All heavy atoms as atom14 arrays in JSON, in Angstrom:
{
  "sequence": "PTDVLAGAALGIGITYVMSARAIRTRVAAPMLAFAQRYPGVFYGAAFV",
  "atom14_mask": [
    [1, 1, 1, 1, 1, 1, 1, 0, 0, 0, 0, 0, 0, 0],
    [1, 1, 1, 1, 1, 1, 1, 0, 0, 0, 0, 0, 0, 0],
    [1, 1, 1, 1, 1, 1, 1, 1, 0, 0, 0, 0, 0, 0],
    [1, 1, 1, 1, 1, 1, 1, 0, 0, 0, 0, 0, 0, 0],
    [1, 1, 1, 1, 1, 1, 1, 1, 0, 0, 0, 0, 0, 0],
    [1, 1, 1, 1, 1, 0, 0, 0, 0, 0, 0, 0, 0, 0],
    [1, 1, 1, 1, 0, 0, 0, 0, 0, 0, 0, 0, 0, 0],
    [1, 1, 1, 1, 1, 0, 0, 0, 0, 0, 0, 0, 0, 0],
    [1, 1, 1, 1, 1, 0, 0, 0, 0, 0, 0, 0, 0, 0],
    [1, 1, 1, 1, 1, 1, 1, 1, 0, 0, 0, 0, 0, 0],
    [1, 1, 1, 1, 0, 0, 0, 0, 0, 0, 0, 0, 0, 0],
    [1, 1, 1, 1, 1, 1, 1, 1, 0, 0, 0, 0, 0, 0],
    [1, 1, 1, 1, 0, 0, 0, 0, 0, 0, 0, 0, 0, 0],
    [1, 1, 1, 1, 1, 1, 1, 1, 0, 0, 0, 0, 0, 0],
    [1, 1, 1, 1, 1, 1, 1, 0, 0, 0, 0, 0, 0, 0],
    [1, 1, 1, 1, 1, 1, 1, 1, 1, 1, 1, 1, 0, 0],
    [1, 1, 1, 1, 1, 1, 1, 0, 0, 0, 0, 0, 0, 0],
    [1, 1, 1, 1, 1, 1, 1, 1, 0, 0, 0, 0, 0, 0],
    [1, 1, 1, 1, 1, 1, 0, 0, 0, 0, 0, 0, 0, 0],
    [1, 1, 1, 1, 1, 0, 0, 0, 0, 0, 0, 0, 0, 0],
    [1, 1, 1, 1, 1, 1, 1, 1, 1, 1, 1, 0, 0, 0],
    [1, 1, 1, 1, 1, 0, 0, 0, 0, 0, 0, 0, 0, 0],
    [1, 1, 1, 1, 1, 1, 1, 1, 0, 0, 0, 0, 0, 0],
    [1, 1, 1, 1, 1, 1, 1, 1, 1, 1, 1, 0, 0, 0],
    [1, 1, 1, 1, 1, 1, 1, 0, 0, 0, 0, 0, 0, 0],
    [1, 1, 1, 1, 1, 1, 1, 1, 1, 1, 1, 0, 0, 0],
    [1, 1, 1, 1, 1, 1, 1, 0, 0, 0, 0, 0, 0, 0],
    [1, 1, 1, 1, 1, 0, 0, 0, 0, 0, 0, 0, 0, 0],
    [1, 1, 1, 1, 1, 0, 0, 0, 0, 0, 0, 0, 0, 0],
    [1, 1, 1, 1, 1, 1, 1, 0, 0, 0, 0, 0, 0, 0],
    [1, 1, 1, 1, 1, 1, 1, 1, 0, 0, 0, 0, 0, 0],
    [1, 1, 1, 1, 1, 1, 1, 1, 0, 0, 0, 0, 0, 0],
    [1, 1, 1, 1, 1, 0, 0, 0, 0, 0, 0, 0, 0, 0],
    [1, 1, 1, 1, 1, 1, 1, 1, 1, 1, 1, 0, 0, 0],
    [1, 1, 1, 1, 1, 0, 0, 0, 0, 0, 0, 0, 0, 0],
    [1, 1, 1, 1, 1, 1, 1, 1, 1, 0, 0, 0, 0, 0],
    [1, 1, 1, 1, 1, 1, 1, 1, 1, 1, 1, 0, 0, 0],
    [1, 1, 1, 1, 1, 1, 1, 1, 1, 1, 1, 1, 0, 0],
    [1, 1, 1, 1, 1, 1, 1, 0, 0, 0, 0, 0, 0, 0],
    [1, 1, 1, 1, 0, 0, 0, 0, 0, 0, 0, 0, 0, 0],
    [1, 1, 1, 1, 1, 1, 1, 0, 0, 0, 0, 0, 0, 0],
    [1, 1, 1, 1, 1, 1, 1, 1, 1, 1, 1, 0, 0, 0],
    [1, 1, 1, 1, 1, 1, 1, 1, 1, 1, 1, 1, 0, 0],
    [1, 1, 1, 1, 0, 0, 0, 0, 0, 0, 0, 0, 0, 0],
    [1, 1, 1, 1, 1, 0, 0, 0, 0, 0, 0, 0, 0, 0],
    [1, 1, 1, 1, 1, 0, 0, 0, 0, 0, 0, 0, 0, 0],
    [1, 1, 1, 1, 1, 1, 1, 1, 1, 1, 1, 0, 0, 0],
    [1, 1, 1, 1, 1, 1, 1, 0, 0, 0, 0, 0, 0, 0]
  ],
  "atom14_positions": [
    [[24.97, 8.52, -7.31], [23.83, 8.65, -8.22], [23.16, 7.31, -8.54], [21.93, 7.22, -8.61], [24.44, 9.29, -9.47], [25.6, 10.07, -8.95], [26.14, 9.26, -7.81], [0.0, 0.0, 0.0], [0.0, 0.0, 0.0], [0.0, 0.0, 0.0], [0.0, 0.0, 0.0], [0.0, 0.0, 0.0], [0.0, 0.0, 0.0], [0.0, 0.0, 0.0]],
    [[23.97, 6.27, -8.73], [23.39, 4.97, -9.06], [22.64, 4.36, -7.88], [21.74, 3.54, -8.07], [24.47, 3.99, -9.53], [25.58, 4.02, -8.62], [24.96, 4.35, -10.93], [0.0, 0.0, 0.0], [0.0, 0.0, 0.0], [0.0, 0.0, 0.0], [0.0, 0.0, 0.0], [0.0, 0.0, 0.0], [0.0, 0.0, 0.0], [0.0, 0.0, 0.0]],
    [[22.97, 4.76, -6.64], [22.19, 4.33, -5.49], [20.76, 4.84, -5.6], [19.79, 4.11, -5.37], [22.79, 4.89, -4.18], [24.19, 4.41, -3.92], [24.58, 3.38, -4.48], [24.89, 5.08, -3.13], [0.0, 0.0, 0.0], [0.0, 0.0, 0.0], [0.0, 0.0, 0.0], [0.0, 0.0, 0.0], [0.0, 0.0, 0.0], [0.0, 0.0, 0.0]],
    [[20.64, 6.11, -5.98], [19.33, 6.75, -6.09], [18.56, 6.21, -7.3], [17.37, 5.92, -7.21], [19.48, 8.28, -6.18], [18.13, 8.94, -6.45], [20.09, 8.82, -4.88], [0.0, 0.0, 0.0], [0.0, 0.0, 0.0], [0.0, 0.0, 0.0], [0.0, 0.0, 0.0], [0.0, 0.0, 0.0], [0.0, 0.0, 0.0], [0.0, 0.0, 0.0]],
    [[19.25, 6.07, -8.42], [18.59, 5.54, -9.63], [18.06, 4.13, -9.4], [16.93, 3.81, -9.76], [19.56, 5.56, -10.8], [19.92, 6.93, -11.39], [21.01, 6.79, -12.43], [18.68, 7.58, -12.0], [0.0, 0.0, 0.0], [0.0, 0.0, 0.0], [0.0, 0.0, 0.0], [0.0, 0.0, 0.0], [0.0, 0.0, 0.0], [0.0, 0.0, 0.0]],
    [[18.9, 3.29, -8.8], [18.47, 1.91, -8.54], [17.32, 1.88, -7.54], [16.34, 1.14, -7.71], [19.64, 1.09, -8.01], [0.0, 0.0, 0.0], [0.0, 0.0, 0.0], [0.0, 0.0, 0.0], [0.0, 0.0, 0.0], [0.0, 0.0, 0.0], [0.0, 0.0, 0.0], [0.0, 0.0, 0.0], [0.0, 0.0, 0.0], [0.0, 0.0, 0.0]],
    [[17.41, 2.71, -6.49], [16.34, 2.76, -5.5], [15.03, 3.22, -6.1], [13.97, 2.66, -5.82], [0.0, 0.0, 0.0], [0.0, 0.0, 0.0], [0.0, 0.0, 0.0], [0.0, 0.0, 0.0], [0.0, 0.0, 0.0], [0.0, 0.0, 0.0], [0.0, 0.0, 0.0], [0.0, 0.0, 0.0], [0.0, 0.0, 0.0], [0.0, 0.0, 0.0]],
    [[15.1, 4.25, -6.96], [13.89, 4.76, -7.6], [13.26, 3.7, -8.49], [12.03, 3.5, -8.47], [14.23, 6.01, -8.42], [0.0, 0.0, 0.0], [0.0, 0.0, 0.0], [0.0, 0.0, 0.0], [0.0, 0.0, 0.0], [0.0, 0.0, 0.0], [0.0, 0.0, 0.0], [0.0, 0.0, 0.0], [0.0, 0.0, 0.0], [0.0, 0.0, 0.0]],
    [[14.07, 3.02, -9.28], [13.56, 1.99, -10.18], [12.92, 0.84, -9.39], [11.84, 0.35, -9.76], [14.68, 1.46, -11.07], [0.0, 0.0, 0.0], [0.0, 0.0, 0.0], [0.0, 0.0, 0.0], [0.0, 0.0, 0.0], [0.0, 0.0, 0.0], [0.0, 0.0, 0.0], [0.0, 0.0, 0.0], [0.0, 0.0, 0.0], [0.0, 0.0, 0.0]],
    [[13.56, 0.43, -8.31], [13.02, -0.65, -7.5], [11.71, -0.24, -6.83], [10.75, -1.02, -6.8], [14.04, -1.07, -6.44], [15.27, -1.83, -6.96], [16.32, -1.96, -5.87], [14.87, -3.21, -7.47], [0.0, 0.0, 0.0], [0.0, 0.0, 0.0], [0.0, 0.0, 0.0], [0.0, 0.0, 0.0], [0.0, 0.0, 0.0], [0.0, 0.0, 0.0]],
    [[11.67, 0.97, -6.28], [10.45, 1.44, -5.63], [9.28, 1.52, -6.59], [8.17, 1.07, -6.29], [0.0, 0.0, 0.0], [0.0, 0.0, 0.0], [0.0, 0.0, 0.0], [0.0, 0.0, 0.0], [0.0, 0.0, 0.0], [0.0, 0.0, 0.0], [0.0, 0.0, 0.0], [0.0, 0.0, 0.0], [0.0, 0.0, 0.0], [0.0, 0.0, 0.0]],
    [[9.52, 2.11, -7.77], [8.47, 2.21, -8.78], [8.03, 0.81, -9.23], [6.83, 0.54, -9.4], [8.97, 3.04, -9.98], [9.11, 4.51, -9.56], [8.02, 2.91, -11.17], [9.79, 5.37, -10.6], [0.0, 0.0, 0.0], [0.0, 0.0, 0.0], [0.0, 0.0, 0.0], [0.0, 0.0, 0.0], [0.0, 0.0, 0.0], [0.0, 0.0, 0.0]],
    [[8.99, -0.08, -9.41], [8.67, -1.44, -9.85], [7.83, -2.2, -8.83], [6.88, -2.91, -9.2], [0.0, 0.0, 0.0], [0.0, 0.0, 0.0], [0.0, 0.0, 0.0], [0.0, 0.0, 0.0], [0.0, 0.0, 0.0], [0.0, 0.0, 0.0], [0.0, 0.0, 0.0], [0.0, 0.0, 0.0], [0.0, 0.0, 0.0], [0.0, 0.0, 0.0]],
    [[8.13, -2.02, -7.55], [7.37, -2.7, -6.5], [5.91, -2.26, -6.53], [4.98, -3.07, -6.48], [8.0, -2.44, -5.12], [9.32, -3.2, -4.99], [7.05, -2.87, -4.0], [10.13, -2.82, -3.76], [0.0, 0.0, 0.0], [0.0, 0.0, 0.0], [0.0, 0.0, 0.0], [0.0, 0.0, 0.0], [0.0, 0.0, 0.0], [0.0, 0.0, 0.0]],
    [[5.69, -0.94, -6.63], [4.31, -0.44, -6.65], [3.59, -0.88, -7.91], [2.39, -1.21, -7.88], [4.31, 1.1, -6.56], [4.97, 1.5, -5.37], [2.88, 1.64, -6.55], [0.0, 0.0, 0.0], [0.0, 0.0, 0.0], [0.0, 0.0, 0.0], [0.0, 0.0, 0.0], [0.0, 0.0, 0.0], [0.0, 0.0, 0.0], [0.0, 0.0, 0.0]],
    [[4.3, -0.89, -9.03], [3.67, -1.31, -10.28], [3.18, -2.75, -10.19], [2.07, -3.08, -10.61], [4.66, -1.16, -11.43], [4.08, -1.51, -12.79], [3.27, -0.61, -13.47], [4.35, -2.74, -13.38], [2.72, -0.94, -14.7], [3.81, -3.08, -14.61], [3.0, -2.17, -15.27], [2.46, -2.5, -16.48], [0.0, 0.0, 0.0], [0.0, 0.0, 0.0]],
    [[4.0, -3.62, -9.61], [3.6, -5.02, -9.46], [2.45, -5.14, -8.46], [1.46, -5.86, -8.7], [4.8, -5.87, -9.01], [4.36, -7.28, -8.64], [5.86, -5.93, -10.1], [0.0, 0.0, 0.0], [0.0, 0.0, 0.0], [0.0, 0.0, 0.0], [0.0, 0.0, 0.0], [0.0, 0.0, 0.0], [0.0, 0.0, 0.0], [0.0, 0.0, 0.0]],
    [[2.55, -4.43, -7.35], [1.52, -4.52, -6.32], [0.17, -3.95, -6.78], [-0.87, -4.31, -6.24], [1.98, -3.76, -5.08], [3.13, -4.4, -4.33], [2.61, -5.87, -3.4], [1.62, -5.12, -2.11], [0.0, 0.0, 0.0], [0.0, 0.0, 0.0], [0.0, 0.0, 0.0], [0.0, 0.0, 0.0], [0.0, 0.0, 0.0], [0.0, 0.0, 0.0]],
    [[0.2, -3.07, -7.78], [-1.04, -2.44, -8.24], [-1.82, -3.31, -9.21], [-2.93, -2.93, -9.62], [-0.74, -1.09, -8.89], [0.01, -1.26, -10.08], [0.0, 0.0, 0.0], [0.0, 0.0, 0.0], [0.0, 0.0, 0.0], [0.0, 0.0, 0.0], [0.0, 0.0, 0.0], [0.0, 0.0, 0.0], [0.0, 0.0, 0.0], [0.0, 0.0, 0.0]],
    [[-1.26, -4.44, -9.61], [-2.01, -5.36, -10.47], [-3.32, -5.74, -9.78], [-3.36, -5.94, -8.56], [-1.19, -6.61, -10.76], [0.0, 0.0, 0.0], [0.0, 0.0, 0.0], [0.0, 0.0, 0.0], [0.0, 0.0, 0.0], [0.0, 0.0, 0.0], [0.0, 0.0, 0.0], [0.0, 0.0, 0.0], [0.0, 0.0, 0.0], [0.0, 0.0, 0.0]],
    [[-4.38, -5.81, -10.53], [-5.72, -5.96, -9.95], [-5.81, -7.12, -8.96], [-6.34, -6.98, -7.85], [-6.75, -6.15, -11.07], [-8.18, -6.29, -10.56], [-9.15, -6.5, -11.72], [-10.5, -6.7, -11.23], [-11.35, -5.73, -10.93], [-10.98, -4.47, -11.09], [-12.57, -5.98, -10.49], [0.0, 0.0, 0.0], [0.0, 0.0, 0.0], [0.0, 0.0, 0.0]],
    [[-5.28, -8.28, -9.33], [-5.39, -9.46, -8.47], [-4.71, -9.23, -7.13], [-5.21, -9.66, -6.08], [-4.8, -10.68, -9.17], [0.0, 0.0, 0.0], [0.0, 0.0, 0.0], [0.0, 0.0, 0.0], [0.0, 0.0, 0.0], [0.0, 0.0, 0.0], [0.0, 0.0, 0.0], [0.0, 0.0, 0.0], [0.0, 0.0, 0.0], [0.0, 0.0, 0.0]],
    [[-3.56, -8.56, -7.15], [-2.82, -8.3, -5.91], [-3.46, -7.15, -5.15], [-3.65, -7.21, -3.94], [-1.34, -8.0, -6.22], [-0.69, -9.19, -6.93], [-0.58, -7.65, -4.94], [0.73, -8.93, -7.39], [0.0, 0.0, 0.0], [0.0, 0.0, 0.0], [0.0, 0.0, 0.0], [0.0, 0.0, 0.0], [0.0, 0.0, 0.0], [0.0, 0.0, 0.0]],
    [[-3.79, -6.08, -5.88], [-4.32, -4.87, -5.25], [-5.58, -5.15, -4.45], [-5.7, -4.76, -3.3], [-4.6, -3.82, -6.32], [-5.03, -2.46, -5.77], [-5.47, -1.53, -6.87], [-6.77, -1.89, -7.42], [-6.99, -2.23, -8.69], [-6.0, -2.27, -9.56], [-8.21, -2.55, -9.11], [0.0, 0.0, 0.0], [0.0, 0.0, 0.0], [0.0, 0.0, 0.0]],
    [[-6.53, -5.83, -5.08], [-7.8, -6.07, -4.4], [-7.64, -6.99, -3.2], [-8.28, -6.78, -2.16], [-8.82, -6.68, -5.38], [-8.26, -7.85, -5.99], [-9.17, -5.67, -6.48], [0.0, 0.0, 0.0], [0.0, 0.0, 0.0], [0.0, 0.0, 0.0], [0.0, 0.0, 0.0], [0.0, 0.0, 0.0], [0.0, 0.0, 0.0], [0.0, 0.0, 0.0]],
    [[-6.78, -7.97, -3.31], [-6.59, -8.9, -2.2], [-5.9, -8.23, -1.02], [-6.26, -8.47, 0.14], [-5.79, -10.12, -2.67], [-5.51, -11.14, -1.57], [-5.01, -12.45, -2.13], [-6.02, -13.11, -2.95], [-5.87, -14.33, -3.46], [-4.75, -15.02, -3.25], [-6.82, -14.85, -4.2], [0.0, 0.0, 0.0], [0.0, 0.0, 0.0], [0.0, 0.0, 0.0]],
    [[-4.89, -7.41, -1.3], [-4.16, -6.74, -0.22], [-5.02, -5.67, 0.44], [-5.01, -5.51, 1.67], [-2.86, -6.11, -0.76], [-2.19, -5.23, 0.28], [-1.89, -7.21, -1.22], [0.0, 0.0, 0.0], [0.0, 0.0, 0.0], [0.0, 0.0, 0.0], [0.0, 0.0, 0.0], [0.0, 0.0, 0.0], [0.0, 0.0, 0.0], [0.0, 0.0, 0.0]],
    [[-5.78, -4.91, -0.37], [-6.51, -3.77, 0.16], [-7.82, -4.16, 0.86], [-8.28, -3.44, 1.75], [-6.81, -2.78, -0.97], [0.0, 0.0, 0.0], [0.0, 0.0, 0.0], [0.0, 0.0, 0.0], [0.0, 0.0, 0.0], [0.0, 0.0, 0.0], [0.0, 0.0, 0.0], [0.0, 0.0, 0.0], [0.0, 0.0, 0.0], [0.0, 0.0, 0.0]],
    [[-8.41, -5.26, 0.47], [-9.74, -5.62, 0.99], [-9.79, -5.65, 2.52], [-10.73, -5.06, 3.11], [-10.18, -6.96, 0.4], [0.0, 0.0, 0.0], [0.0, 0.0, 0.0], [0.0, 0.0, 0.0], [0.0, 0.0, 0.0], [0.0, 0.0, 0.0], [0.0, 0.0, 0.0], [0.0, 0.0, 0.0], [0.0, 0.0, 0.0], [0.0, 0.0, 0.0]],
    [[-8.87, -6.31, 3.23], [-8.97, -6.33, 4.69], [-8.87, -4.94, 5.3], [-9.57, -4.63, 6.27], [-7.78, -7.21, 5.11], [-7.45, -8.01, 3.9], [-7.75, -7.14, 2.74], [0.0, 0.0, 0.0], [0.0, 0.0, 0.0], [0.0, 0.0, 0.0], [0.0, 0.0, 0.0], [0.0, 0.0, 0.0], [0.0, 0.0, 0.0], [0.0, 0.0, 0.0]],
    [[-7.99, -4.07, 4.75], [-7.83, -2.72, 5.29], [-9.09, -1.89, 5.08], [-9.51, -1.15, 5.98], [-6.63, -2.04, 4.62], [-5.29, -2.63, 4.99], [-4.9, -2.42, 6.76], [-5.33, -4.04, 7.41], [0.0, 0.0, 0.0], [0.0, 0.0, 0.0], [0.0, 0.0, 0.0], [0.0, 0.0, 0.0], [0.0, 0.0, 0.0], [0.0, 0.0, 0.0]],
    [[-9.68, -1.99, 3.91], [-10.88, -1.21, 3.63], [-12.06, -1.7, 4.49], [-12.88, -0.89, 4.95], [-11.24, -1.29, 2.15], [-10.19, -0.7, 1.18], [-10.7, -0.78, -0.25], [-9.86, 0.73, 1.56], [0.0, 0.0, 0.0], [0.0, 0.0, 0.0], [0.0, 0.0, 0.0], [0.0, 0.0, 0.0], [0.0, 0.0, 0.0], [0.0, 0.0, 0.0]],
    [[-12.13, -2.99, 4.69], [-13.19, -3.53, 5.55], [-13.0, -3.08, 6.99], [-13.97, -2.71, 7.68], [-13.2, -5.06, 5.46], [0.0, 0.0, 0.0], [0.0, 0.0, 0.0], [0.0, 0.0, 0.0], [0.0, 0.0, 0.0], [0.0, 0.0, 0.0], [0.0, 0.0, 0.0], [0.0, 0.0, 0.0], [0.0, 0.0, 0.0], [0.0, 0.0, 0.0]],
    [[-11.76, -3.07, 7.44], [-11.47, -2.63, 8.81], [-11.79, -1.14, 8.97], [-12.33, -0.72, 9.99], [-9.99, -2.89, 9.12], [-9.62, -2.58, 10.55], [-9.86, -3.51, 11.55], [-9.02, -1.37, 10.88], [-9.52, -3.22, 12.87], [-8.68, -1.09, 12.19], [-8.93, -2.02, 13.2], [0.0, 0.0, 0.0], [0.0, 0.0, 0.0], [0.0, 0.0, 0.0]],
    [[-11.46, -0.34, 7.95], [-11.74, 1.09, 7.99], [-13.24, 1.37, 8.08], [-13.67, 2.3, 8.77], [-11.16, 1.78, 6.76], [0.0, 0.0, 0.0], [0.0, 0.0, 0.0], [0.0, 0.0, 0.0], [0.0, 0.0, 0.0], [0.0, 0.0, 0.0], [0.0, 0.0, 0.0], [0.0, 0.0, 0.0], [0.0, 0.0, 0.0], [0.0, 0.0, 0.0]],
    [[-14.02, 0.56, 7.41], [-15.47, 0.76, 7.42], [-16.08, 0.3, 8.74], [-17.01, 0.93, 9.25], [-16.1, -0.01, 6.27], [-17.59, 0.25, 6.11], [-18.14, -0.38, 4.84], [-17.47, -1.17, 4.18], [-19.36, -0.01, 4.47], [0.0, 0.0, 0.0], [0.0, 0.0, 0.0], [0.0, 0.0, 0.0], [0.0, 0.0, 0.0], [0.0, 0.0, 0.0]],
    [[-15.52, -0.75, 9.33], [-16.12, -1.3, 10.55], [-15.64, -0.58, 11.8], [-16.41, -0.35, 12.74], [-15.78, -2.79, 10.65], [-16.48, -3.49, 11.82], [-16.32, -4.98, 11.74], [-17.06, -5.65, 12.81], [-17.1, -6.97, 12.97], [-16.46, -7.76, 12.11], [-17.79, -7.49, 13.97], [0.0, 0.0, 0.0], [0.0, 0.0, 0.0], [0.0, 0.0, 0.0]],
    [[-14.36, -0.2, 11.82], [-13.78, 0.47, 12.99], [-13.08, 1.76, 12.56], [-11.85, 1.87, 12.61], [-12.78, -0.44, 13.7], [-13.34, -1.78, 14.1], [-13.01, -2.92, 13.39], [-14.19, -1.9, 15.2], [-13.51, -4.17, 13.76], [-14.69, -3.13, 15.58], [-14.34, -4.27, 14.86], [-14.84, -5.49, 15.23], [0.0, 0.0, 0.0], [0.0, 0.0, 0.0]],
    [[-13.82, 2.76, 12.11], [-13.18, 3.96, 11.58], [-12.3, 4.7, 12.58], [-11.26, 5.25, 12.22], [-14.37, 4.82, 11.13], [-15.54, 4.3, 11.89], [-15.29, 2.85, 12.07], [0.0, 0.0, 0.0], [0.0, 0.0, 0.0], [0.0, 0.0, 0.0], [0.0, 0.0, 0.0], [0.0, 0.0, 0.0], [0.0, 0.0, 0.0], [0.0, 0.0, 0.0]],
    [[-12.73, 4.75, 13.85], [-11.93, 5.45, 14.85], [-10.56, 4.84, 15.02], [-9.53, 5.53, 15.01], [0.0, 0.0, 0.0], [0.0, 0.0, 0.0], [0.0, 0.0, 0.0], [0.0, 0.0, 0.0], [0.0, 0.0, 0.0], [0.0, 0.0, 0.0], [0.0, 0.0, 0.0], [0.0, 0.0, 0.0], [0.0, 0.0, 0.0], [0.0, 0.0, 0.0]],
    [[-10.53, 3.52, 15.2], [-9.26, 2.81, 15.37], [-8.42, 2.92, 14.1], [-7.21, 3.15, 14.14], [-9.51, 1.33, 15.72], [-8.18, 0.58, 15.83], [-10.28, 1.23, 17.03], [0.0, 0.0, 0.0], [0.0, 0.0, 0.0], [0.0, 0.0, 0.0], [0.0, 0.0, 0.0], [0.0, 0.0, 0.0], [0.0, 0.0, 0.0], [0.0, 0.0, 0.0]],
    [[-9.09, 2.77, 12.96], [-8.37, 2.8, 11.69], [-7.67, 4.14, 11.48], [-6.48, 4.18, 11.16], [-9.32, 2.52, 10.53], [-8.67, 2.66, 9.18], [-7.93, 1.62, 8.63], [-8.78, 3.84, 8.45], [-7.32, 1.74, 7.4], [-8.17, 3.98, 7.21], [-7.44, 2.93, 6.69], [0.0, 0.0, 0.0], [0.0, 0.0, 0.0], [0.0, 0.0, 0.0]],
    [[-8.4, 5.25, 11.65], [-7.81, 6.55, 11.37], [-6.78, 6.93, 12.43], [-5.81, 7.66, 12.13], [-8.9, 7.61, 11.24], [-9.63, 7.48, 9.92], [-10.95, 7.05, 9.88], [-9.0, 7.76, 8.72], [-11.62, 6.91, 8.67], [-9.65, 7.63, 7.5], [-10.96, 7.2, 7.49], [-11.61, 7.06, 6.28], [0.0, 0.0, 0.0], [0.0, 0.0, 0.0]],
    [[-6.96, 6.47, 13.65], [-5.92, 6.67, 14.65], [-4.63, 5.97, 14.27], [-3.54, 6.54, 14.34], [0.0, 0.0, 0.0], [0.0, 0.0, 0.0], [0.0, 0.0, 0.0], [0.0, 0.0, 0.0], [0.0, 0.0, 0.0], [0.0, 0.0, 0.0], [0.0, 0.0, 0.0], [0.0, 0.0, 0.0], [0.0, 0.0, 0.0], [0.0, 0.0, 0.0]],
    [[-4.76, 4.71, 13.87], [-3.59, 3.94, 13.45], [-2.99, 4.53, 12.18], [-1.76, 4.56, 12.01], [-3.98, 2.48, 13.23], [0.0, 0.0, 0.0], [0.0, 0.0, 0.0], [0.0, 0.0, 0.0], [0.0, 0.0, 0.0], [0.0, 0.0, 0.0], [0.0, 0.0, 0.0], [0.0, 0.0, 0.0], [0.0, 0.0, 0.0], [0.0, 0.0, 0.0]],
    [[-3.84, 5.02, 11.27], [-3.36, 5.63, 10.03], [-2.55, 6.88, 10.32], [-1.56, 7.16, 9.64], [-4.54, 5.96, 9.11], [0.0, 0.0, 0.0], [0.0, 0.0, 0.0], [0.0, 0.0, 0.0], [0.0, 0.0, 0.0], [0.0, 0.0, 0.0], [0.0, 0.0, 0.0], [0.0, 0.0, 0.0], [0.0, 0.0, 0.0], [0.0, 0.0, 0.0]],
    [[-2.96, 7.65, 11.33], [-2.2, 8.83, 11.71], [-0.82, 8.45, 12.2], [0.19, 9.07, 11.81], [-2.95, 9.62, 12.8], [-2.14, 10.75, 13.36], [-2.05, 11.96, 12.69], [-1.47, 10.61, 14.57], [-1.3, 13.01, 13.2], [-0.71, 11.65, 15.09], [-0.62, 12.85, 14.4], [0.0, 0.0, 0.0], [0.0, 0.0, 0.0], [0.0, 0.0, 0.0]],
    [[-0.75, 7.45, 13.08], [0.55, 7.01, 13.6], [1.43, 6.49, 12.47], [2.62, 6.82, 12.39], [0.36, 5.93, 14.68], [1.71, 5.36, 15.12], [-0.38, 6.5, 15.89], [0.0, 0.0, 0.0], [0.0, 0.0, 0.0], [0.0, 0.0, 0.0], [0.0, 0.0, 0.0], [0.0, 0.0, 0.0], [0.0, 0.0, 0.0], [0.0, 0.0, 0.0]]
  ]
}
């Protein structure tokens, strides 16, 4: 049980930190730009 509890807490914590505006916008910007410029390649890679 403690394996799952610790894993859940760590996973939630990682996303919470990554979702901070300064981190979120910097990490997501290249992906969103790529999706807009090369939608075919992006959605193919997203499927995989």
